[in-house]
Amino acid sequence: MPTVHLARILKDLGTTSVWEMFRHTGSSENSVFKQGQIAAINSLYNINKGYRGFFGFPLDEAEFNGNTATRNYSGGQIHFLDNRPQGGDENRVVRVRFLGFHCDAESSSDPAFWLR
């Protein structure tokens, strides 16, 4: 079972209030233990540039397997293990198909200029 260091998590959030931690995570979990894990995962995500970082966009809320939290992102997962959150990346192969484009308005510049 992981150990949640609540003082460190609250410090990372910039507060000393457990109530503020509950408000910050936005989760409906009633357990301080689980809220602490969610807050630690969110903190690691934000330290790594949030959705602009390598984790990408969150795909769902944190899920608990027993007493250990995991949150899925488009670029990987963050697990709360060994007293701190740890992230891992996943590589996924996607296929992108170009369907074309739509021109909303014509350019006002001289097209002959671009052909030189």
N, C-alpha and C. Protein backbone atom coordinates (compact mmCIF):
# COMPACT_ATOMS: atom_id res chain seq x y z
N MET A 1 0.84 -1.17 0.00
CA MET A 1 0.00 0.00 0.00
C MET A 1 0.90 1.25 0.00
N PRO A 2 0.64 2.18 -0.90
CA PRO A 2 1.48 3.38 -0.96
C PRO A 2 1.27 4.28 0.24
N THR A 3 2.27 5.10 0.51
CA THR A 3 2.19 6.09 1.58
C THR A 3 2.00 7.46 0.95
N VAL A 4 1.01 8.18 1.41
CA VAL A 4 0.74 9.53 0.90
C VAL A 4 1.33 10.53 1.87
N HIS A 5 2.30 11.31 1.40
CA HIS A 5 2.92 12.36 2.21
C HIS A 5 2.11 13.64 2.00
N LEU A 6 1.09 13.81 2.83
CA LEU A 6 0.14 14.89 2.66
C LEU A 6 0.79 16.26 2.77
N ALA A 7 1.74 16.44 3.68
CA ALA A 7 2.39 17.74 3.84
C ALA A 7 3.08 18.17 2.54
N ARG A 8 3.76 17.24 1.89
CA ARG A 8 4.46 17.56 0.63
C ARG A 8 3.45 17.88 -0.48
N ILE A 9 2.37 17.13 -0.54
CA ILE A 9 1.34 17.36 -1.56
C ILE A 9 0.70 18.73 -1.36
N LEU A 10 0.36 19.06 -0.11
CA LEU A 10 -0.24 20.37 0.16
C LEU A 10 0.74 21.49 -0.17
N LYS A 11 2.02 21.27 0.11
CA LYS A 11 3.04 22.28 -0.21
C LYS A 11 3.11 22.49 -1.72
N ASP A 12 3.08 21.41 -2.50
CA ASP A 12 3.10 21.52 -3.96
C ASP A 12 1.89 22.29 -4.48
N LEU A 13 0.76 22.16 -3.79
CA LEU A 13 -0.45 22.89 -4.17
C LEU A 13 -0.44 24.34 -3.69
N GLY A 14 0.49 24.65 -2.81
CA GLY A 14 0.57 26.01 -2.28
C GLY A 14 -0.47 26.30 -1.22
N THR A 15 -0.86 25.29 -0.45
CA THR A 15 -1.87 25.46 0.59
C THR A 15 -1.52 24.60 1.79
N THR A 16 -2.19 24.84 2.89
CA THR A 16 -2.07 23.98 4.08
C THR A 16 -3.42 23.36 4.42
N SER A 17 -4.39 23.55 3.56
CA SER A 17 -5.75 23.12 3.83
C SER A 17 -6.12 21.87 3.03
N VAL A 18 -6.58 20.85 3.73
CA VAL A 18 -7.07 19.64 3.07
C VAL A 18 -8.33 19.97 2.27
N TRP A 19 -9.16 20.86 2.81
CA TRP A 19 -10.37 21.28 2.10
C TRP A 19 -10.00 21.91 0.75
N GLU A 20 -8.95 22.72 0.73
CA GLU A 20 -8.49 23.34 -0.51
C GLU A 20 -7.99 22.27 -1.49
N MET A 21 -7.33 21.24 -0.99
CA MET A 21 -6.88 20.13 -1.84
C MET A 21 -8.09 19.45 -2.48
N PHE A 22 -9.14 19.21 -1.70
CA PHE A 22 -10.36 18.59 -2.24
C PHE A 22 -10.94 19.47 -3.36
N ARG A 23 -10.97 20.77 -3.12
CA ARG A 23 -11.52 21.69 -4.12
C ARG A 23 -10.64 21.71 -5.37
N HIS A 24 -9.34 21.65 -5.18
CA HIS A 24 -8.39 21.72 -6.29
C HIS A 24 -8.48 20.51 -7.21
N THR A 25 -8.66 19.31 -6.66
CA THR A 25 -8.71 18.10 -7.49
C THR A 25 -10.02 18.00 -8.26
N GLY A 26 -11.09 18.50 -7.69
CA GLY A 26 -12.38 18.42 -8.37
C GLY A 26 -12.99 17.02 -8.35
N SER A 27 -12.39 16.11 -7.61
CA SER A 27 -12.88 14.74 -7.56
C SER A 27 -13.96 14.61 -6.48
N SER A 28 -14.85 13.65 -6.68
CA SER A 28 -15.91 13.41 -5.69
C SER A 28 -15.48 12.41 -4.62
N GLU A 29 -14.24 11.94 -4.66
CA GLU A 29 -13.73 11.01 -3.65
C GLU A 29 -13.83 11.63 -2.26
N ASN A 30 -14.25 10.84 -1.27
CA ASN A 30 -14.36 11.33 0.10
C ASN A 30 -13.13 11.01 0.94
N SER A 31 -12.23 10.20 0.43
CA SER A 31 -11.06 9.75 1.16
C SER A 31 -9.90 10.74 1.00
N VAL A 32 -9.33 11.19 2.13
CA VAL A 32 -8.16 12.08 2.08
C VAL A 32 -7.00 11.33 1.43
N PHE A 33 -6.88 10.04 1.71
CA PHE A 33 -5.83 9.20 1.12
C PHE A 33 -5.91 9.22 -0.40
N LYS A 34 -7.10 9.00 -0.95
CA LYS A 34 -7.27 8.98 -2.40
C LYS A 34 -7.16 10.38 -3.00
N GLN A 35 -7.70 11.38 -2.31
CA GLN A 35 -7.58 12.76 -2.80
C GLN A 35 -6.12 13.18 -2.87
N GLY A 36 -5.31 12.75 -1.89
CA GLY A 36 -3.89 13.06 -1.90
C GLY A 36 -3.19 12.47 -3.12
N GLN A 37 -3.55 11.25 -3.48
CA GLN A 37 -2.96 10.63 -4.67
C GLN A 37 -3.37 11.37 -5.94
N ILE A 38 -4.63 11.74 -6.02
CA ILE A 38 -5.11 12.48 -7.20
C ILE A 38 -4.38 13.82 -7.31
N ALA A 39 -4.24 14.52 -6.18
CA ALA A 39 -3.55 15.81 -6.18
C ALA A 39 -2.08 15.65 -6.58
N ALA A 40 -1.42 14.58 -6.12
CA ALA A 40 -0.02 14.34 -6.48
C ALA A 40 0.12 14.04 -7.97
N ILE A 41 -0.80 13.26 -8.52
CA ILE A 41 -0.78 12.97 -9.96
C ILE A 41 -0.98 14.25 -10.75
N ASN A 42 -1.96 15.07 -10.34
CA ASN A 42 -2.21 16.34 -11.03
C ASN A 42 -1.01 17.26 -10.95
N SER A 43 -0.33 17.27 -9.83
CA SER A 43 0.86 18.11 -9.65
C SER A 43 1.97 17.68 -10.59
N LEU A 44 2.23 16.37 -10.69
CA LEU A 44 3.25 15.88 -11.60
C LEU A 44 2.89 16.22 -13.05
N TYR A 45 1.62 16.09 -13.40
CA TYR A 45 1.14 16.43 -14.74
C TYR A 45 1.41 17.91 -15.04
N ASN A 46 1.08 18.78 -14.09
CA ASN A 46 1.29 20.22 -14.30
C ASN A 46 2.77 20.59 -14.36
N ILE A 47 3.60 19.93 -13.56
CA ILE A 47 5.05 20.18 -13.59
C ILE A 47 5.61 19.82 -14.97
N ASN A 48 5.02 18.83 -15.62
CA ASN A 48 5.46 18.40 -16.94
C ASN A 48 4.70 19.09 -18.06
N LYS A 49 4.33 20.34 -17.85
CA LYS A 49 3.72 21.23 -18.84
C LYS A 49 2.29 20.88 -19.21
N GLY A 50 1.60 20.13 -18.38
CA GLY A 50 0.18 19.84 -18.62
C GLY A 50 -0.04 19.22 -20.00
N TYR A 51 -1.09 19.67 -20.69
CA TYR A 51 -1.41 19.08 -21.99
C TYR A 51 -0.39 19.42 -23.06
N ARG A 52 0.43 20.44 -22.82
CA ARG A 52 1.48 20.79 -23.78
C ARG A 52 2.72 19.89 -23.63
N GLY A 53 2.80 19.15 -22.55
CA GLY A 53 3.92 18.26 -22.31
C GLY A 53 3.73 16.92 -22.99
N PHE A 54 4.61 15.97 -22.66
CA PHE A 54 4.55 14.67 -23.33
C PHE A 54 3.39 13.80 -22.88
N PHE A 55 2.74 14.13 -21.76
CA PHE A 55 1.57 13.34 -21.35
C PHE A 55 0.35 13.65 -22.20
N GLY A 56 0.25 14.86 -22.73
CA GLY A 56 -0.88 15.23 -23.58
C GLY A 56 -2.14 15.47 -22.76
N PHE A 57 -3.27 15.29 -23.40
CA PHE A 57 -4.56 15.57 -22.76
C PHE A 57 -5.01 14.41 -21.88
N PRO A 58 -5.68 14.73 -20.75
CA PRO A 58 -6.24 13.66 -19.90
C PRO A 58 -7.36 12.94 -20.65
N LEU A 59 -7.39 11.64 -20.53
CA LEU A 59 -8.44 10.86 -21.19
C LEU A 59 -9.58 10.52 -20.25
N ASP A 60 -9.30 10.50 -18.95
CA ASP A 60 -10.34 10.18 -17.97
C ASP A 60 -9.88 10.66 -16.60
N GLU A 61 -10.71 10.45 -15.61
CA GLU A 61 -10.36 10.80 -14.24
C GLU A 61 -9.47 9.70 -13.66
N ALA A 62 -8.85 9.99 -12.54
CA ALA A 62 -8.01 8.98 -11.88
C ALA A 62 -8.88 7.80 -11.46
N GLU A 63 -8.34 6.60 -11.68
CA GLU A 63 -9.03 5.37 -11.29
C GLU A 63 -8.19 4.66 -10.25
N PHE A 64 -8.86 3.95 -9.37
CA PHE A 64 -8.16 3.24 -8.30
C PHE A 64 -8.26 1.75 -8.50
N ASN A 65 -7.10 1.10 -8.45
CA ASN A 65 -7.02 -0.34 -8.43
C ASN A 65 -6.57 -0.69 -7.03
N GLY A 66 -7.51 -1.04 -6.19
CA GLY A 66 -7.22 -1.19 -4.77
C GLY A 66 -7.00 0.19 -4.17
N ASN A 67 -5.81 0.43 -3.65
CA ASN A 67 -5.50 1.72 -3.06
C ASN A 67 -4.50 2.53 -3.88
N THR A 68 -4.30 2.17 -5.14
CA THR A 68 -3.31 2.84 -5.97
C THR A 68 -4.00 3.53 -7.15
N ALA A 69 -3.72 4.82 -7.31
CA ALA A 69 -4.36 5.62 -8.35
C ALA A 69 -3.57 5.57 -9.65
N THR A 70 -4.30 5.62 -10.76
CA THR A 70 -3.73 5.71 -12.11
C THR A 70 -4.61 6.66 -12.91
N ARG A 71 -3.96 7.51 -13.71
CA ARG A 71 -4.72 8.39 -14.60
C ARG A 71 -4.13 8.25 -16.00
N ASN A 72 -5.00 8.08 -16.98
CA ASN A 72 -4.60 7.91 -18.38
C ASN A 72 -4.59 9.24 -19.11
N TYR A 73 -3.57 9.42 -19.92
CA TYR A 73 -3.42 10.61 -20.76
C TYR A 73 -3.17 10.14 -22.19
N SER A 74 -3.33 11.04 -23.14
CA SER A 74 -3.13 10.66 -24.54
C SER A 74 -1.71 10.21 -24.81
N GLY A 75 -0.74 10.64 -24.01
CA GLY A 75 0.65 10.25 -24.21
C GLY A 75 1.17 9.24 -23.22
N GLY A 76 0.36 8.73 -22.34
CA GLY A 76 0.83 7.75 -21.36
C GLY A 76 -0.04 7.72 -20.12
N GLN A 77 0.54 7.26 -19.02
CA GLN A 77 -0.17 7.15 -17.75
C GLN A 77 0.69 7.68 -16.63
N ILE A 78 0.02 8.11 -15.57
CA ILE A 78 0.71 8.43 -14.32
C ILE A 78 0.11 7.53 -13.25
N HIS A 79 0.99 6.79 -12.57
CA HIS A 79 0.60 5.90 -11.48
C HIS A 79 1.14 6.47 -10.19
N PHE A 80 0.42 6.29 -9.11
CA PHE A 80 0.93 6.65 -7.79
C PHE A 80 1.51 5.39 -7.17
N LEU A 81 2.84 5.28 -7.22
CA LEU A 81 3.54 4.11 -6.70
C LEU A 81 4.69 4.54 -5.82
N ASP A 82 5.06 3.71 -4.88
CA ASP A 82 6.25 3.95 -4.05
C ASP A 82 6.29 5.35 -3.45
N ASN A 83 5.19 5.81 -2.92
CA ASN A 83 5.10 7.08 -2.19
C ASN A 83 5.13 8.32 -3.06
N ARG A 84 5.13 8.19 -4.36
CA ARG A 84 5.13 9.36 -5.23
C ARG A 84 4.56 8.97 -6.59
N PRO A 85 4.08 9.96 -7.34
CA PRO A 85 3.56 9.65 -8.67
C PRO A 85 4.71 9.37 -9.64
N GLN A 86 4.50 8.41 -10.51
CA GLN A 86 5.49 8.07 -11.53
C GLN A 86 4.79 7.96 -12.86
N GLY A 87 5.39 8.55 -13.88
CA GLY A 87 4.78 8.53 -15.20
C GLY A 87 5.49 7.60 -16.14
N GLY A 88 4.78 7.18 -17.13
CA GLY A 88 5.36 6.36 -18.18
C GLY A 88 4.73 6.73 -19.50
N ASP A 89 5.51 6.65 -20.55
CA ASP A 89 4.93 7.02 -21.85
C ASP A 89 4.55 5.77 -22.62
N GLU A 90 3.65 5.96 -23.53
CA GLU A 90 3.21 4.90 -24.41
C GLU A 90 3.36 5.41 -25.83
N ASN A 91 3.74 4.54 -26.72
CA ASN A 91 3.79 4.91 -28.13
C ASN A 91 2.59 4.27 -28.81
N ARG A 92 1.88 5.09 -29.55
CA ARG A 92 0.73 4.58 -30.28
C ARG A 92 0.85 4.95 -31.74
N VAL A 93 0.48 4.05 -32.57
CA VAL A 93 0.51 4.30 -34.00
C VAL A 93 -0.88 4.76 -34.41
N VAL A 94 -0.93 5.87 -35.10
CA VAL A 94 -2.21 6.37 -35.58
C VAL A 94 -2.11 6.60 -37.08
N ARG A 95 -3.21 6.54 -37.74
CA ARG A 95 -3.27 6.81 -39.17
C ARG A 95 -4.06 8.10 -39.37
N VAL A 96 -3.46 9.03 -40.09
CA VAL A 96 -4.11 10.30 -40.38
C VAL A 96 -4.35 10.35 -41.87
N ARG A 97 -5.58 10.65 -42.25
CA ARG A 97 -5.93 10.72 -43.66
C ARG A 97 -6.31 12.15 -44.01
N PHE A 98 -5.63 12.73 -44.99
CA PHE A 98 -5.91 14.09 -45.42
C PHE A 98 -7.16 14.08 -46.28
N LEU A 99 -8.15 14.86 -45.87
CA LEU A 99 -9.42 14.90 -46.59
C LEU A 99 -9.56 16.13 -47.47
N GLY A 100 -8.62 17.06 -47.37
CA GLY A 100 -8.70 18.28 -48.17
C GLY A 100 -8.80 19.49 -47.29
N PHE A 101 -9.05 20.61 -47.90
CA PHE A 101 -9.19 21.85 -47.13
C PHE A 101 -10.30 22.68 -47.74
N HIS A 102 -10.72 23.66 -46.99
CA HIS A 102 -11.78 24.57 -47.42
C HIS A 102 -11.25 25.99 -47.35
N CYS A 103 -11.39 26.73 -48.41
CA CYS A 103 -10.94 28.12 -48.46
C CYS A 103 -12.11 29.02 -48.12
N ASP A 104 -12.00 29.77 -47.02
CA ASP A 104 -13.07 30.68 -46.61
C ASP A 104 -13.04 32.00 -47.38
N ALA A 105 -11.86 32.43 -47.78
CA ALA A 105 -11.73 33.70 -48.52
C ALA A 105 -10.45 33.65 -49.34
N GLU A 106 -10.45 34.37 -50.44
CA GLU A 106 -9.27 34.43 -51.28
C GLU A 106 -8.28 35.42 -50.72
N SER A 107 -7.01 35.17 -50.98
CA SER A 107 -5.95 36.06 -50.52
C SER A 107 -6.00 37.37 -51.29
N SER A 108 -5.65 38.45 -50.61
CA SER A 108 -5.63 39.75 -51.27
C SER A 108 -4.27 40.06 -51.87
N SER A 109 -3.28 39.18 -51.67
CA SER A 109 -1.95 39.44 -52.23
C SER A 109 -1.91 39.02 -53.69
N ASP A 110 -0.91 39.50 -54.40
CA ASP A 110 -0.74 39.24 -55.83
C ASP A 110 -0.20 37.83 -56.03
N PRO A 111 -0.93 36.92 -56.67
CA PRO A 111 -0.47 35.56 -56.85
C PRO A 111 0.79 35.47 -57.71
N ALA A 112 0.99 36.43 -58.60
CA ALA A 112 2.19 36.40 -59.45
C ALA A 112 3.46 36.56 -58.61
N PHE A 113 3.36 37.24 -57.48
CA PHE A 113 4.51 37.43 -56.59
C PHE A 113 5.02 36.09 -56.07
N TRP A 114 4.10 35.19 -55.73
CA TRP A 114 4.48 33.91 -55.15
C TRP A 114 4.99 32.93 -56.19
N LEU A 115 4.73 33.18 -57.45
CA LEU A 115 5.16 32.27 -58.50
C LEU A 115 6.58 32.58 -59.01
N ARG A 116 7.17 33.67 -58.57
CA ARG A 116 8.51 34.03 -59.04
C ARG A 116 9.55 33.09 -58.54
